Amino acid sequence: MKEKLKIIFALAAVLAGIAAIIIILGNAEVIITFMSLTFGVMAIIWTIMAYSSLSPGSSLRSYTGYFLACLILILVSSVWNGIVGLLKIGGAWKYLGYFFITSAYLVFVAAAYKIYYLGREFGFQKQAGRIKEAMKRRG
């Protein structure tokens, strides 16, 4: 219970800080853009750490690589959209952000296909069915 209260208090403090910054600076869009970029960079750092701790050649490391590529593409898309918004650039430059986010989705599709193929190849669904049946019999 104490841990949950700490988490709730921390989230409330973060939200209050964000609200204060928005009120003081007045431009919510720019502030939210920079905060989301901060979280994106943090996610990339943690993913790189996870990637480097996994065994070379393992499928989990491969999927982590896909995840890292998606994070980077999403971050680049966010940076680009932030630049376009700050500089009020219009026209065709705006579409470059769409290219980055579409590329991220395509990498997600490739990763999902690899996971699907792995599941089909090794028949995990059959094993999951057996596990469910065994659990029903137990209790």
Protein backbone atom coordinates (compact mmCIF):
# COMPACT_ATOMS: atom_id res chain seq x y z
CA MET A 1 0.00 0.00 0.00
CA LYS A 2 2.86 2.39 0.81
CA GLU A 3 4.40 1.81 -2.62
CA LYS A 4 1.12 2.63 -4.35
CA LEU A 5 0.83 5.86 -2.38
CA LYS A 6 4.39 6.79 -3.35
CA ILE A 7 3.62 6.17 -7.02
CA ILE A 8 0.39 8.17 -6.85
CA PHE A 9 2.17 11.02 -5.08
CA ALA A 10 5.01 10.99 -7.64
CA LEU A 11 2.56 11.07 -10.55
CA ALA A 12 0.61 13.90 -8.94
CA ALA A 13 3.85 15.84 -8.43
CA VAL A 14 4.88 15.33 -12.07
CA LEU A 15 1.46 16.41 -13.33
CA ALA A 16 1.48 19.46 -11.05
CA GLY A 17 4.94 20.36 -12.33
CA ILE A 18 3.83 20.03 -15.93
CA ALA A 19 0.76 22.16 -15.25
CA ALA A 20 2.91 24.83 -13.57
CA ILE A 21 5.34 24.93 -16.51
CA ILE A 22 2.46 25.23 -18.99
CA ILE A 23 0.87 28.04 -16.96
CA ILE A 24 4.16 29.92 -16.57
CA LEU A 25 5.41 29.54 -20.15
CA GLY A 26 2.02 29.55 -21.81
CA ASN A 27 2.83 27.36 -24.84
CA ALA A 28 1.52 23.91 -23.98
CA GLU A 29 2.29 22.37 -27.38
CA VAL A 30 6.01 23.15 -27.25
CA ILE A 31 6.30 21.99 -23.65
CA ILE A 32 4.48 18.73 -24.30
CA THR A 33 6.63 18.14 -27.39
CA PHE A 34 9.84 18.53 -25.43
CA MET A 35 8.58 16.37 -22.56
CA SER A 36 7.54 13.59 -24.92
CA LEU A 37 10.96 13.80 -26.57
CA THR A 38 12.55 13.40 -23.15
CA PHE A 39 10.54 10.23 -22.53
CA GLY A 40 11.43 8.98 -26.00
CA VAL A 41 15.15 9.48 -25.40
CA MET A 42 14.82 7.71 -22.04
CA ALA A 43 13.05 4.77 -23.72
CA ILE A 44 15.81 4.56 -26.34
CA ILE A 45 18.53 4.56 -23.67
CA TRP A 46 16.82 1.75 -21.72
CA THR A 47 16.25 -0.24 -24.91
CA ILE A 48 19.92 0.09 -25.90
CA MET A 49 20.89 -1.13 -22.44
CA ALA A 50 18.51 -4.08 -22.78
CA TYR A 51 19.75 -4.84 -26.29
CA SER A 52 23.39 -4.90 -25.19
CA SER A 53 22.60 -7.19 -22.25
CA LEU A 54 20.95 -9.85 -24.42
CA SER A 55 22.83 -12.69 -26.10
CA PRO A 56 23.98 -11.99 -29.66
CA GLY A 57 21.95 -13.98 -32.16
CA SER A 58 19.02 -14.55 -29.80
CA SER A 59 15.51 -13.93 -31.05
CA LEU A 60 14.79 -11.68 -28.08
CA ARG A 61 17.73 -9.47 -29.02
CA SER A 62 16.43 -9.39 -32.60
CA TYR A 63 12.97 -8.25 -31.44
CA THR A 64 14.60 -5.68 -29.16
CA GLY A 65 16.42 -4.37 -32.24
CA TYR A 66 13.10 -3.97 -34.05
CA PHE A 67 11.68 -2.20 -31.01
CA LEU A 68 14.71 0.11 -30.91
CA ALA A 69 14.35 0.94 -34.59
CA CYS A 70 10.68 1.81 -34.05
CA LEU A 71 11.51 4.00 -31.07
CA ILE A 72 14.14 5.87 -33.06
CA LEU A 73 11.77 6.42 -35.99
CA ILE A 74 9.02 7.64 -33.68
CA LEU A 75 11.46 9.99 -31.95
CA VAL A 76 12.70 11.35 -35.29
CA SER A 77 9.08 11.86 -36.35
CA SER A 78 8.37 13.74 -33.13
CA VAL A 79 11.48 15.88 -33.50
CA TRP A 80 10.57 16.68 -37.10
CA ASN A 81 6.98 17.54 -36.19
CA GLY A 82 8.27 19.73 -33.37
CA ILE A 83 10.59 21.58 -35.74
CA VAL A 84 7.82 22.04 -38.28
CA GLY A 85 5.52 23.36 -35.54
CA LEU A 86 8.09 25.71 -34.02
CA LEU A 87 9.27 27.16 -37.31
CA LYS A 88 5.77 27.10 -38.80
CA ILE A 89 7.07 25.33 -41.89
CA GLY A 90 4.36 24.27 -44.27
CA GLY A 91 4.05 22.54 -47.57
CA ALA A 92 5.83 19.34 -48.44
CA TRP A 93 8.21 19.53 -45.45
CA LYS A 94 5.34 18.54 -43.20
CA TYR A 95 5.03 15.19 -44.97
CA LEU A 96 8.51 14.05 -43.99
CA GLY A 97 7.15 13.45 -40.47
CA TYR A 98 4.55 11.12 -41.96
CA PHE A 99 7.32 9.21 -43.70
CA PHE A 100 9.09 8.58 -40.37
CA ILE A 101 5.98 7.43 -38.54
CA THR A 102 4.91 5.24 -41.46
CA SER A 103 8.38 3.68 -41.47
CA ALA A 104 7.99 2.93 -37.75
CA TYR A 105 4.69 1.18 -38.44
CA LEU A 106 6.31 -0.87 -41.20
CA VAL A 107 9.06 -1.98 -38.82
CA PHE A 108 6.36 -2.94 -36.30
CA VAL A 109 4.66 -4.99 -39.03
CA ALA A 110 7.93 -6.78 -39.82
CA ALA A 111 8.50 -7.56 -36.14
CA ALA A 112 4.92 -8.78 -35.70
CA TYR A 113 5.31 -11.04 -38.72
CA LYS A 114 8.53 -12.52 -37.31
CA ILE A 115 6.82 -13.18 -33.97
CA TYR A 116 3.84 -14.74 -35.75
CA TYR A 117 6.13 -16.91 -37.86
CA LEU A 118 8.04 -18.02 -34.75
CA GLY A 119 4.78 -18.97 -33.05
CA ARG A 120 3.61 -20.94 -36.08
CA GLU A 121 6.97 -22.64 -36.47
CA PHE A 122 7.25 -23.80 -32.89
CA GLY A 123 3.54 -24.36 -32.24
CA PHE A 124 3.25 -22.33 -29.08
CA GLN A 125 -0.52 -22.16 -29.47
CA LYS A 126 -0.85 -25.93 -29.05
CA GLN A 127 1.25 -25.81 -25.90
CA ALA A 128 -0.81 -22.91 -24.53
CA GLY A 129 -3.97 -24.97 -25.04
CA ARG A 130 -2.43 -27.88 -23.15
CA ILE A 131 -1.41 -25.58 -20.31
CA LYS A 132 -4.96 -24.17 -20.05
CA GLU A 133 -6.40 -27.68 -19.93
CA ALA A 134 -3.95 -28.73 -17.22
CA MET A 135 -4.80 -25.64 -15.17
CA LYS A 136 -8.54 -26.36 -15.46
CA ARG A 137 -7.96 -29.92 -14.24
CA ARG A 138 -5.92 -28.69 -11.26
CA GLY A 139 -8.49 -26.43 -9.86
